[in-house]
Each structure stands twice: as C-alpha cells, then as structure tokens.
Amino acid sequence: MTFLDTADMYGIGAHEELVGRDVRERRDWIVVATKFGNVRGADGSFKGVNGCPDYVRSACDASLQRTAPLPLHA
C-alpha cells in the first residue's frame, strides 16, 4: 500500500493524527491525501461546508500539524 486517503472530518482530526504517526517511518514512499470543507463542531456535529480562502488555509495548516512530519506536496 502506497496511498492513504484521510480527511479532517474523520474522527474530528484524529484519523489524520493516526495516519501521520503510523506512516512516519515510511513517508518516503507513501502518499497521504487529505480533504477538507465539511466543518465539524468539537462534539463532531456537522456545522456546514466552508470553501472560503481563509478556511482553506486554516484547514491545510491544521492538517499539516496533525500529519506532521509528513512533507507537503501540491
């Protein structure tokens, strides 16, 4: 397996943390894709969809923190 797909809404970010931790030693040959846009509350409740530029930047920054130290590829 060389490709993993995740999203910030899976487990309110917990899945990204798990993926980042588990692939840390294989990051040279595993690609991790993540998605954003579905906004969740702290309790996991659906708050809506957000695609505005400020939200995109904050979602990307948060995903990078959760999957660290994986490199970012655009």
N, C-alpha and C. Protein backbone atom coordinates (compact mmCIF):
# COMPACT_ATOMS: atom_id res chain seq x y z
N MET A 1 0.85 -1.16 0.00
CA MET A 1 0.00 0.00 0.00
C MET A 1 0.90 1.23 0.00
N THR A 2 0.64 2.14 -0.95
CA THR A 2 1.46 3.34 -1.05
C THR A 2 0.64 4.63 -1.04
N PHE A 3 -0.68 4.52 -0.92
CA PHE A 3 -1.54 5.70 -0.94
C PHE A 3 -2.59 5.57 0.15
N LEU A 4 -2.67 6.58 1.01
CA LEU A 4 -3.67 6.61 2.07
C LEU A 4 -4.51 7.87 1.92
N ASP A 5 -5.80 7.72 2.11
CA ASP A 5 -6.73 8.83 1.99
C ASP A 5 -7.35 9.09 3.36
N THR A 6 -7.39 10.35 3.76
CA THR A 6 -7.97 10.72 5.04
C THR A 6 -8.70 12.05 4.88
N ALA A 7 -9.24 12.57 5.95
CA ALA A 7 -9.91 13.87 5.94
C ALA A 7 -9.95 14.41 7.35
N ASP A 8 -10.02 15.73 7.47
CA ASP A 8 -10.07 16.33 8.80
C ASP A 8 -11.36 15.98 9.55
N MET A 9 -12.40 15.58 8.83
CA MET A 9 -13.67 15.27 9.48
C MET A 9 -13.72 13.85 10.05
N TYR A 10 -12.77 12.99 9.68
CA TYR A 10 -12.74 11.63 10.22
C TYR A 10 -12.22 11.68 11.65
N GLY A 11 -13.09 11.46 12.60
CA GLY A 11 -12.68 11.49 14.00
C GLY A 11 -12.29 12.87 14.47
N ILE A 12 -12.82 13.89 13.82
CA ILE A 12 -12.52 15.30 14.15
C ILE A 12 -11.01 15.53 14.16
N GLY A 13 -10.33 15.01 13.14
CA GLY A 13 -8.89 15.19 13.00
C GLY A 13 -8.06 14.05 13.55
N ALA A 14 -8.66 13.18 14.36
CA ALA A 14 -7.91 12.09 14.98
C ALA A 14 -7.35 11.11 13.94
N HIS A 15 -8.07 10.91 12.85
CA HIS A 15 -7.59 9.98 11.83
C HIS A 15 -6.32 10.51 11.17
N GLU A 16 -6.26 11.82 10.91
CA GLU A 16 -5.03 12.40 10.35
C GLU A 16 -3.86 12.21 11.30
N GLU A 17 -4.09 12.38 12.59
CA GLU A 17 -3.03 12.18 13.57
C GLU A 17 -2.55 10.73 13.55
N LEU A 18 -3.48 9.80 13.50
CA LEU A 18 -3.15 8.38 13.45
C LEU A 18 -2.35 8.03 12.20
N VAL A 19 -2.81 8.51 11.05
CA VAL A 19 -2.11 8.25 9.79
C VAL A 19 -0.71 8.86 9.84
N GLY A 20 -0.59 10.10 10.27
CA GLY A 20 0.72 10.75 10.35
C GLY A 20 1.69 9.99 11.23
N ARG A 21 1.20 9.52 12.37
CA ARG A 21 2.05 8.76 13.29
C ARG A 21 2.44 7.40 12.70
N ASP A 22 1.50 6.74 12.05
CA ASP A 22 1.74 5.38 11.57
C ASP A 22 2.62 5.31 10.32
N VAL A 23 2.63 6.35 9.51
CA VAL A 23 3.44 6.30 8.28
C VAL A 23 4.74 7.08 8.39
N ARG A 24 5.01 7.60 9.55
CA ARG A 24 6.20 8.46 9.74
C ARG A 24 7.48 7.82 9.21
N GLU A 25 7.70 6.55 9.48
CA GLU A 25 8.94 5.91 9.05
C GLU A 25 8.90 5.45 7.60
N ARG A 26 7.74 5.56 6.94
CA ARG A 26 7.61 5.15 5.54
C ARG A 26 7.25 6.33 4.65
N ARG A 27 7.44 7.52 5.12
CA ARG A 27 6.96 8.70 4.40
C ARG A 27 7.64 8.92 3.06
N ASP A 28 8.76 8.27 2.82
CA ASP A 28 9.45 8.42 1.53
C ASP A 28 8.72 7.72 0.39
N TRP A 29 7.85 6.76 0.71
CA TRP A 29 7.19 6.01 -0.36
C TRP A 29 5.68 5.90 -0.18
N ILE A 30 5.11 6.59 0.80
CA ILE A 30 3.66 6.60 0.99
C ILE A 30 3.14 8.01 0.71
N VAL A 31 2.07 8.08 -0.05
CA VAL A 31 1.39 9.35 -0.33
C VAL A 31 0.15 9.40 0.55
N VAL A 32 -0.02 10.51 1.27
CA VAL A 32 -1.21 10.73 2.09
C VAL A 32 -2.00 11.87 1.47
N ALA A 33 -3.26 11.60 1.17
CA ALA A 33 -4.15 12.63 0.64
C ALA A 33 -5.17 12.97 1.73
N THR A 34 -5.47 14.23 1.88
CA THR A 34 -6.49 14.63 2.85
C THR A 34 -7.43 15.63 2.20
N LYS A 35 -8.60 15.74 2.78
CA LYS A 35 -9.63 16.63 2.25
C LYS A 35 -10.14 17.53 3.37
N PHE A 36 -10.86 18.57 2.99
CA PHE A 36 -11.43 19.49 3.97
C PHE A 36 -12.67 20.12 3.37
N GLY A 37 -13.36 20.89 4.16
CA GLY A 37 -14.53 21.62 3.68
C GLY A 37 -15.76 21.36 4.53
N ASN A 38 -15.90 20.16 5.06
CA ASN A 38 -17.00 19.86 5.97
C ASN A 38 -16.60 20.29 7.37
N VAL A 39 -17.25 21.30 7.88
CA VAL A 39 -16.90 21.86 9.18
C VAL A 39 -17.64 21.09 10.26
N ARG A 40 -16.90 20.67 11.28
CA ARG A 40 -17.47 19.93 12.41
C ARG A 40 -17.24 20.70 13.69
N GLY A 41 -18.18 20.56 14.62
CA GLY A 41 -18.01 21.12 15.95
C GLY A 41 -17.11 20.23 16.77
N ALA A 42 -16.74 20.69 17.97
CA ALA A 42 -15.86 19.91 18.85
C ALA A 42 -16.48 18.56 19.21
N ASP A 43 -17.81 18.50 19.19
CA ASP A 43 -18.51 17.26 19.52
C ASP A 43 -18.75 16.38 18.29
N GLY A 44 -18.27 16.81 17.14
CA GLY A 44 -18.44 16.05 15.91
C GLY A 44 -19.67 16.41 15.10
N SER A 45 -20.47 17.33 15.62
CA SER A 45 -21.70 17.73 14.91
C SER A 45 -21.35 18.48 13.63
N PHE A 46 -22.16 18.28 12.61
CA PHE A 46 -21.95 18.93 11.31
C PHE A 46 -22.36 20.39 11.40
N LYS A 47 -21.45 21.29 11.04
CA LYS A 47 -21.70 22.73 11.10
C LYS A 47 -21.90 23.36 9.73
N GLY A 48 -21.62 22.62 8.66
CA GLY A 48 -21.79 23.15 7.32
C GLY A 48 -20.56 22.91 6.46
N VAL A 49 -20.58 23.50 5.28
CA VAL A 49 -19.49 23.39 4.32
C VAL A 49 -18.85 24.76 4.16
N ASN A 50 -17.52 24.79 4.11
CA ASN A 50 -16.82 26.06 4.00
C ASN A 50 -15.68 25.92 3.00
N GLY A 51 -15.66 26.73 1.98
CA GLY A 51 -14.60 26.71 0.99
C GLY A 51 -13.94 28.05 0.82
N CYS A 52 -14.18 28.99 1.75
CA CYS A 52 -13.58 30.32 1.61
C CYS A 52 -12.07 30.23 1.81
N PRO A 53 -11.31 31.13 1.19
CA PRO A 53 -9.85 31.06 1.24
C PRO A 53 -9.26 31.01 2.65
N ASP A 54 -9.80 31.78 3.58
CA ASP A 54 -9.28 31.76 4.95
C ASP A 54 -9.45 30.39 5.59
N TYR A 55 -10.61 29.77 5.34
CA TYR A 55 -10.84 28.44 5.90
C TYR A 55 -9.92 27.41 5.24
N VAL A 56 -9.73 27.52 3.94
CA VAL A 56 -8.85 26.59 3.23
C VAL A 56 -7.45 26.64 3.84
N ARG A 57 -6.93 27.84 4.05
CA ARG A 57 -5.60 27.99 4.65
C ARG A 57 -5.55 27.39 6.05
N SER A 58 -6.54 27.69 6.87
CA SER A 58 -6.52 27.17 8.24
C SER A 58 -6.70 25.65 8.26
N ALA A 59 -7.51 25.10 7.36
CA ALA A 59 -7.70 23.65 7.29
C ALA A 59 -6.40 22.97 6.85
N CYS A 60 -5.70 23.54 5.88
CA CYS A 60 -4.42 22.98 5.42
C CYS A 60 -3.38 23.03 6.54
N ASP A 61 -3.30 24.16 7.23
CA ASP A 61 -2.35 24.29 8.33
C ASP A 61 -2.64 23.26 9.43
N ALA A 62 -3.91 23.10 9.76
CA ALA A 62 -4.29 22.14 10.81
C ALA A 62 -3.97 20.71 10.38
N SER A 63 -4.24 20.37 9.12
CA SER A 63 -3.93 19.03 8.62
C SER A 63 -2.43 18.77 8.65
N LEU A 64 -1.64 19.77 8.30
CA LEU A 64 -0.18 19.63 8.35
C LEU A 64 0.30 19.38 9.77
N GLN A 65 -0.29 20.06 10.72
CA GLN A 65 0.08 19.85 12.12
C GLN A 65 -0.27 18.43 12.57
N ARG A 66 -1.44 17.95 12.15
CA ARG A 66 -1.88 16.62 12.58
C ARG A 66 -1.10 15.50 11.89
N THR A 67 -0.67 15.70 10.66
CA THR A 67 0.05 14.64 9.94
C THR A 67 1.56 14.79 10.04
N ALA A 68 2.04 15.82 10.72
CA ALA A 68 3.48 16.08 10.84
C ALA A 68 4.19 14.82 11.29
N PRO A 69 5.38 14.60 10.81
CA PRO A 69 6.22 15.45 9.98
C PRO A 69 6.16 15.13 8.49
N LEU A 70 5.01 14.76 7.98
CA LEU A 70 4.91 14.44 6.56
C LEU A 70 5.12 15.69 5.72
N PRO A 71 5.83 15.59 4.61
CA PRO A 71 6.05 16.74 3.74
C PRO A 71 4.79 17.08 2.94
N LEU A 72 4.65 18.32 2.56
CA LEU A 72 3.51 18.79 1.77
C LEU A 72 3.89 18.80 0.30
N HIS A 73 3.02 18.22 -0.53
CA HIS A 73 3.18 18.25 -1.97
C HIS A 73 1.90 18.80 -2.57
N ALA A 74 2.02 19.79 -3.42
CA ALA A 74 0.82 20.37 -4.04
C ALA A 74 0.67 19.88 -5.46
